[in-house]
Amino acid sequence: MDEKTLKRLENKLKKIHDDLGRQMQILGKEIRQEMPQDSEDALSAREEADVLEQEDLIEEVEIREVEEALQRIGDGSYGRCLDCGEEIKIERLKALPYAKYCVKCKEEREKE
């Protein structure tokens, strides 16, 4: 992968990281809102808080994956499949810049 492409992907990863951080802050504030006293409203609010907590967990995983990709850029292993060591196609990295696996290995992992 050429330096220009690598730099573009690194900038994209940093933007994703920043966006996820902001989203997590917003979700955190929404989760911590006071619960209504009315039991029906409280149940509805609890269900909404549960959904927000699930979204927060998903974003935590995604932000970790972005941070790992940035580490791989730093150590020079970015763009290589963690399973087979082959180069991940640039199209895949452009679509999912924190991809850890080539398509073949990812499909194999999903079968397990």
C-alpha atoms as a PDB file:
ATOM      1  CA  MET A   1       0.000   0.000   0.000  1.00  0.00           C
ATOM      2  CA  ASP A   2       1.403   3.387  -0.915  1.00  0.00           C
ATOM      3  CA  GLU A   3       2.004   6.092   1.711  1.00  0.00           C
ATOM      4  CA  LYS A   4      -0.716   8.394   0.361  1.00  0.00           C
ATOM      5  CA  THR A   5      -3.392   5.691   0.647  1.00  0.00           C
ATOM      6  CA  LEU A   6      -2.149   4.690   4.083  1.00  0.00           C
ATOM      7  CA  LYS A   7      -2.305   8.315   5.276  1.00  0.00           C
ATOM      8  CA  ARG A   8      -5.854   8.681   3.902  1.00  0.00           C
ATOM      9  CA  LEU A   9      -6.959   5.542   5.739  1.00  0.00           C
ATOM     10  CA  GLU A  10      -5.233   6.683   8.929  1.00  0.00           C
ATOM     11  CA  ASN A  11      -7.075  10.032   8.743  1.00  0.00           C
ATOM     12  CA  LYS A  12     -10.345   8.189   8.147  1.00  0.00           C
ATOM     13  CA  LEU A  13      -9.698   6.007  11.214  1.00  0.00           C
ATOM     14  CA  LYS A  14      -8.958   9.084  13.341  1.00  0.00           C
ATOM     15  CA  LYS A  15     -12.209  10.717  12.192  1.00  0.00           C
ATOM     16  CA  ILE A  16     -14.183   7.557  12.990  1.00  0.00           C
ATOM     17  CA  HIS A  17     -12.507   7.470  16.415  1.00  0.00           C
ATOM     18  CA  ASP A  18     -13.431  11.095  17.117  1.00  0.00           C
ATOM     19  CA  ASP A  19     -17.017  10.606  15.901  1.00  0.00           C
ATOM     20  CA  LEU A  20     -17.467   7.487  18.045  1.00  0.00           C
ATOM     21  CA  GLY A  21     -16.070   9.304  21.074  1.00  0.00           C
ATOM     22  CA  ARG A  22     -18.609  12.105  20.647  1.00  0.00           C
ATOM     23  CA  GLN A  23     -21.446   9.615  20.140  1.00  0.00           C
ATOM     24  CA  MET A  24     -20.439   7.738  23.287  1.00  0.00           C
ATOM     25  CA  GLN A  25     -20.472  10.962  25.306  1.00  0.00           C
ATOM     26  CA  ILE A  26     -23.984  11.755  24.070  1.00  0.00           C
ATOM     27  CA  LEU A  27     -25.186   8.219  24.809  1.00  0.00           C
ATOM     28  CA  GLY A  28     -23.631   8.378  28.272  1.00  0.00           C
ATOM     29  CA  LYS A  29     -25.562  11.546  29.067  1.00  0.00           C
ATOM     30  CA  GLU A  30     -28.804  10.030  27.772  1.00  0.00           C
ATOM     31  CA  ILE A  31     -28.283   6.842  29.791  1.00  0.00           C
ATOM     32  CA  ARG A  32     -27.685   8.814  33.004  1.00  0.00           C
ATOM     33  CA  GLN A  33     -30.872  10.870  32.724  1.00  0.00           C
ATOM     34  CA  GLU A  34     -33.191  10.635  35.713  1.00  0.00           C
ATOM     35  CA  MET A  35     -35.878   7.994  35.566  1.00  0.00           C
ATOM     36  CA  PRO A  36     -39.502   9.181  35.732  1.00  0.00           C
ATOM     37  CA  GLN A  37     -41.434   8.363  38.907  1.00  0.00           C
ATOM     38  CA  ASP A  38     -44.560   7.115  37.108  1.00  0.00           C
ATOM     39  CA  SER A  39     -44.237   3.321  36.827  1.00  0.00           C
ATOM     40  CA  GLU A  40     -45.371   3.120  33.191  1.00  0.00           C
ATOM     41  CA  ASP A  41     -43.037   5.948  32.180  1.00  0.00           C
ATOM     42  CA  ALA A  42     -40.247   4.401  34.243  1.00  0.00           C
ATOM     43  CA  LEU A  43     -40.640   1.073  32.407  1.00  0.00           C
ATOM     44  CA  SER A  44     -40.524   2.808  29.046  1.00  0.00           C
ATOM     45  CA  ALA A  45     -37.496   4.854  30.116  1.00  0.00           C
ATOM     46  CA  ARG A  46     -35.733   1.696  31.381  1.00  0.00           C
ATOM     47  CA  GLU A  47     -36.320  -0.041  28.042  1.00  0.00           C
ATOM     48  CA  GLU A  48     -34.941   2.984  26.212  1.00  0.00           C
ATOM     49  CA  ALA A  49     -31.927   3.061  28.544  1.00  0.00           C
ATOM     50  CA  ASP A  50     -31.303  -0.642  27.832  1.00  0.00           C
ATOM     51  CA  VAL A  51     -31.255   0.067  24.084  1.00  0.00           C
ATOM     52  CA  LEU A  52     -28.882   2.989  24.626  1.00  0.00           C
ATOM     53  CA  GLU A  53     -26.584   0.812  26.750  1.00  0.00           C
ATOM     54  CA  GLN A  54     -26.466  -1.803  23.958  1.00  0.00           C
ATOM     55  CA  GLU A  55     -25.573   0.926  21.445  1.00  0.00           C
ATOM     56  CA  ASP A  56     -22.876   2.136  23.826  1.00  0.00           C
ATOM     57  CA  LEU A  57     -21.378  -1.373  24.070  1.00  0.00           C
ATOM     58  CA  ILE A  58     -21.349  -1.720  20.291  1.00  0.00           C
ATOM     59  CA  GLU A  59     -19.596   1.619  19.950  1.00  0.00           C
ATOM     60  CA  GLU A  60     -17.050   0.616  22.618  1.00  0.00           C
ATOM     61  CA  VAL A  61     -16.152  -2.465  20.565  1.00  0.00           C
ATOM     62  CA  GLU A  62     -15.914  -0.405  17.394  1.00  0.00           C
ATOM     63  CA  ILE A  63     -13.716   2.255  19.001  1.00  0.00           C
ATOM     64  CA  ARG A  64     -11.395  -0.501  20.287  1.00  0.00           C
ATOM     65  CA  GLU A  65     -11.149  -1.930  16.772  1.00  0.00           C
ATOM     66  CA  VAL A  66     -10.293   1.529  15.408  1.00  0.00           C
ATOM     67  CA  GLU A  67      -7.612   1.973  18.087  1.00  0.00           C
ATOM     68  CA  GLU A  68      -6.155  -1.444  17.234  1.00  0.00           C
ATOM     69  CA  ALA A  69      -6.047  -0.486  13.541  1.00  0.00           C
ATOM     70  CA  LEU A  70      -4.204   2.727  14.413  1.00  0.00           C
ATOM     71  CA  GLN A  71      -1.727   0.644  16.434  1.00  0.00           C
ATOM     72  CA  ARG A  72      -1.204  -1.637  13.431  1.00  0.00           C
ATOM     73  CA  ILE A  73      -0.458   1.427  11.304  1.00  0.00           C
ATOM     74  CA  GLY A  74       2.108   2.429  13.895  1.00  0.00           C
ATOM     75  CA  ASP A  75       3.819  -0.961  13.982  1.00  0.00           C
ATOM     76  CA  GLY A  76       3.654  -1.499  10.224  1.00  0.00           C
ATOM     77  CA  SER A  77       1.284  -4.467  10.223  1.00  0.00           C
ATOM     78  CA  TYR A  78      -1.795  -2.570   9.006  1.00  0.00           C
ATOM     79  CA  GLY A  79      -3.450  -4.002   5.924  1.00  0.00           C
ATOM     80  CA  ARG A  80      -2.377  -7.586   6.605  1.00  0.00           C
ATOM     81  CA  CYS A  81      -4.844 -10.267   7.671  1.00  0.00           C
ATOM     82  CA  LEU A  82      -4.262 -11.294  11.276  1.00  0.00           C
ATOM     83  CA  ASP A  83      -5.057 -14.926  10.413  1.00  0.00           C
ATOM     84  CA  CYS A  84      -3.328 -15.709   7.118  1.00  0.00           C
ATOM     85  CA  GLY A  85      -0.955 -12.746   6.846  1.00  0.00           C
ATOM     86  CA  GLU A  86      -2.071 -11.921   3.317  1.00  0.00           C
ATOM     87  CA  GLU A  87      -2.702  -8.341   2.276  1.00  0.00           C
ATOM     88  CA  ILE A  88      -6.293  -7.177   2.815  1.00  0.00           C
ATOM     89  CA  LYS A  89      -7.711  -5.772  -0.416  1.00  0.00           C
ATOM     90  CA  ILE A  90      -7.709  -1.986  -0.508  1.00  0.00           C
ATOM     91  CA  GLU A  91     -11.416  -1.946  -1.406  1.00  0.00           C
ATOM     92  CA  ARG A  92     -12.182  -3.717   1.869  1.00  0.00           C
ATOM     93  CA  LEU A  93     -10.012  -1.301   3.853  1.00  0.00           C
ATOM     94  CA  LYS A  94     -11.662   1.689   2.210  1.00  0.00           C
ATOM     95  CA  ALA A  95     -15.090   0.320   3.156  1.00  0.00           C
ATOM     96  CA  LEU A  96     -14.028  -0.875   6.627  1.00  0.00           C
ATOM     97  CA  PRO A  97     -10.704   0.751   7.508  1.00  0.00           C
ATOM     98  CA  TYR A  98     -10.385  -1.189  10.773  1.00  0.00           C
ATOM     99  CA  ALA A  99     -10.763  -4.588   9.088  1.00  0.00           C
ATOM    100  CA  LYS A 100      -8.472  -7.174  10.712  1.00  0.00           C
ATOM    101  CA  TYR A 101      -9.083 -10.038   8.338  1.00  0.00           C
ATOM    102  CA  CYS A 102      -9.261 -10.626   4.611  1.00  0.00           C
ATOM    103  CA  VAL A 103     -12.685 -11.582   3.268  1.00  0.00           C
ATOM    104  CA  LYS A 104     -11.830 -15.295   3.105  1.00  0.00           C
ATOM    105  CA  CYS A 105     -10.638 -15.489   6.722  1.00  0.00           C
ATOM    106  CA  LYS A 106     -13.535 -13.353   7.967  1.00  0.00           C
ATOM    107  CA  GLU A 107     -16.003 -15.713   6.270  1.00  0.00           C
ATOM    108  CA  GLU A 108     -14.245 -18.703   7.835  1.00  0.00           C
ATOM    109  CA  ARG A 109     -14.463 -17.103  11.294  1.00  0.00           C
ATOM    110  CA  GLU A 110     -18.194 -16.448  10.840  1.00  0.00           C
ATOM    111  CA  LYS A 111     -18.773 -20.136  10.099  1.00  0.00           C
ATOM    112  CA  GLU A 112     -17.347 -21.123  13.494  1.00  0.00           C
END
